[in-house]
């Protein structure tokens, strides 16, 4: 028969608490992975925007200024 308690560093812990904690940690890990995917997508979008903006900047300053009007939150353009 499995005891309902386990001992860890002289603490008596209910097995149900351990199962609940494992479930919560698993859910947290799932959410963190989902956030990581969102952040990777956002980073890709930002890199694409900078790629468009700066490639035009070096090719043609007028186009870069036009792109800057489309993406005014890119505050690195200061000419």
C-alpha atoms as a PDB file:
ATOM      1  CA  UNK A   1       0.000   0.000   0.000  1.00  0.00           C
ATOM      2  CA  UNK A   2       1.351   3.460  -0.996  1.00  0.00           C
ATOM      3  CA  UNK A   3       1.590   5.901   1.914  1.00  0.00           C
ATOM      4  CA  UNK A   4      -0.228   9.230   1.561  1.00  0.00           C
ATOM      5  CA  UNK A   5       2.789  11.169   2.767  1.00  0.00           C
ATOM      6  CA  UNK A   6       6.401  11.445   1.741  1.00  0.00           C
ATOM      7  CA  UNK A   7       9.237  12.926   3.724  1.00  0.00           C
ATOM      8  CA  UNK A   8      11.621  15.462   2.278  1.00  0.00           C
ATOM      9  CA  UNK A   9      14.154  17.255   4.499  1.00  0.00           C
ATOM     10  CA  UNK A  10      12.110  16.190   7.526  1.00  0.00           C
ATOM     11  CA  UNK A  11       8.969  17.748   6.022  1.00  0.00           C
ATOM     12  CA  UNK A  12       5.888  15.623   5.748  1.00  0.00           C
ATOM     13  CA  UNK A  13       4.332  16.322   2.354  1.00  0.00           C
ATOM     14  CA  UNK A  14       1.054  14.954   1.073  1.00  0.00           C
ATOM     15  CA  UNK A  15       1.382  13.030  -2.162  1.00  0.00           C
ATOM     16  CA  UNK A  16      -1.643  14.894  -3.501  1.00  0.00           C
ATOM     17  CA  UNK A  17       0.233  18.170  -3.011  1.00  0.00           C
ATOM     18  CA  UNK A  18       3.124  16.793  -5.047  1.00  0.00           C
ATOM     19  CA  UNK A  19       0.771  15.727  -7.844  1.00  0.00           C
ATOM     20  CA  UNK A  20      -0.895  19.160  -7.777  1.00  0.00           C
ATOM     21  CA  UNK A  21       2.484  20.849  -7.925  1.00  0.00           C
ATOM     22  CA  UNK A  22       3.592  18.665 -10.839  1.00  0.00           C
ATOM     23  CA  UNK A  23       0.394  19.541 -12.687  1.00  0.00           C
ATOM     24  CA  UNK A  24       0.881  23.267 -12.048  1.00  0.00           C
ATOM     25  CA  UNK A  25       4.510  23.150 -13.150  1.00  0.00           C
ATOM     26  CA  UNK A  26       3.548  21.280 -16.297  1.00  0.00           C
ATOM     27  CA  UNK A  27       0.908  23.914 -17.090  1.00  0.00           C
ATOM     28  CA  UNK A  28       3.400  26.708 -16.412  1.00  0.00           C
ATOM     29  CA  UNK A  29       5.944  25.112 -18.732  1.00  0.00           C
ATOM     30  CA  UNK A  30       3.297  24.847 -21.459  1.00  0.00           C
ATOM     31  CA  UNK A  31       2.433  28.546 -21.065  1.00  0.00           C
ATOM     32  CA  UNK A  32       6.099  29.575 -21.109  1.00  0.00           C
ATOM     33  CA  UNK A  33       6.645  27.621 -24.321  1.00  0.00           C
ATOM     34  CA  UNK A  34       3.630  29.328 -25.865  1.00  0.00           C
ATOM     35  CA  UNK A  35       4.978  32.752 -24.835  1.00  0.00           C
ATOM     36  CA  UNK A  36       8.359  31.815 -26.263  1.00  0.00           C
ATOM     37  CA  UNK A  37       6.719  31.021 -29.620  1.00  0.00           C
ATOM     38  CA  UNK A  38       4.902  34.375 -29.565  1.00  0.00           C
ATOM     39  CA  UNK A  39       8.127  36.214 -28.759  1.00  0.00           C
ATOM     40  CA  UNK A  40       9.966  34.415 -31.572  1.00  0.00           C
ATOM     41  CA  UNK A  41       7.229  35.464 -34.026  1.00  0.00           C
ATOM     42  CA  UNK A  42       7.389  39.055 -32.784  1.00  0.00           C
ATOM     43  CA  UNK A  43      11.181  39.075 -33.072  1.00  0.00           C
ATOM     44  CA  UNK A  44      10.955  37.758 -36.651  1.00  0.00           C
ATOM     45  CA  UNK A  45       8.513  40.555 -37.541  1.00  0.00           C
ATOM     46  CA  UNK A  46      10.849  43.154 -35.986  1.00  0.00           C
ATOM     47  CA  UNK A  47      13.839  41.760 -37.851  1.00  0.00           C
ATOM     48  CA  UNK A  48      11.883  41.810 -41.123  1.00  0.00           C
ATOM     49  CA  UNK A  49      10.905  45.441 -40.516  1.00  0.00           C
ATOM     50  CA  UNK A  50      14.506  46.444 -39.785  1.00  0.00           C
ATOM     51  CA  UNK A  51      15.699  44.480 -42.808  1.00  0.00           C
ATOM     52  CA  UNK A  52      13.275  46.314 -45.106  1.00  0.00           C
ATOM     53  CA  UNK A  53      14.002  49.661 -43.513  1.00  0.00           C
ATOM     54  CA  UNK A  54      17.799  49.473 -43.453  1.00  0.00           C
ATOM     55  CA  UNK A  55      18.216  47.778 -46.826  1.00  0.00           C
ATOM     56  CA  UNK A  56      16.231  50.641 -48.355  1.00  0.00           C
ATOM     57  CA  UNK A  57      18.224  53.135 -46.295  1.00  0.00           C
ATOM     58  CA  UNK A  58      21.479  52.028 -47.846  1.00  0.00           C
ATOM     59  CA  UNK A  59      19.995  51.661 -51.318  1.00  0.00           C
ATOM     60  CA  UNK A  60      18.020  54.876 -51.424  1.00  0.00           C
ATOM     61  CA  UNK A  61      17.661  57.394 -48.597  1.00  0.00           C
ATOM     62  CA  UNK A  62      14.337  58.710 -49.941  1.00  0.00           C
ATOM     63  CA  UNK A  63      12.779  55.214 -49.822  1.00  0.00           C
ATOM     64  CA  UNK A  64      14.097  54.772 -46.306  1.00  0.00           C
ATOM     65  CA  UNK A  65      12.404  57.993 -45.230  1.00  0.00           C
ATOM     66  CA  UNK A  66       9.172  56.769 -46.827  1.00  0.00           C
ATOM     67  CA  UNK A  67       9.501  53.487 -44.942  1.00  0.00           C
ATOM     68  CA  UNK A  68      10.132  55.412 -41.760  1.00  0.00           C
ATOM     69  CA  UNK A  69       6.763  57.126 -42.177  1.00  0.00           C
ATOM     70  CA  UNK A  70       5.186  53.660 -42.370  1.00  0.00           C
ATOM     71  CA  UNK A  71       7.099  52.473 -39.270  1.00  0.00           C
ATOM     72  CA  UNK A  72       7.423  55.609 -37.090  1.00  0.00           C
ATOM     73  CA  UNK A  73       8.079  53.498 -33.968  1.00  0.00           C
ATOM     74  CA  UNK A  74      11.536  52.679 -35.353  1.00  0.00           C
ATOM     75  CA  UNK A  75      13.353  55.508 -33.597  1.00  0.00           C
ATOM     76  CA  UNK A  76      16.846  54.610 -34.848  1.00  0.00           C
ATOM     77  CA  UNK A  77      16.558  56.689 -37.996  1.00  0.00           C
ATOM     78  CA  UNK A  78      17.930  60.107 -37.120  1.00  0.00           C
ATOM     79  CA  UNK A  79      19.111  61.795 -40.341  1.00  0.00           C
END
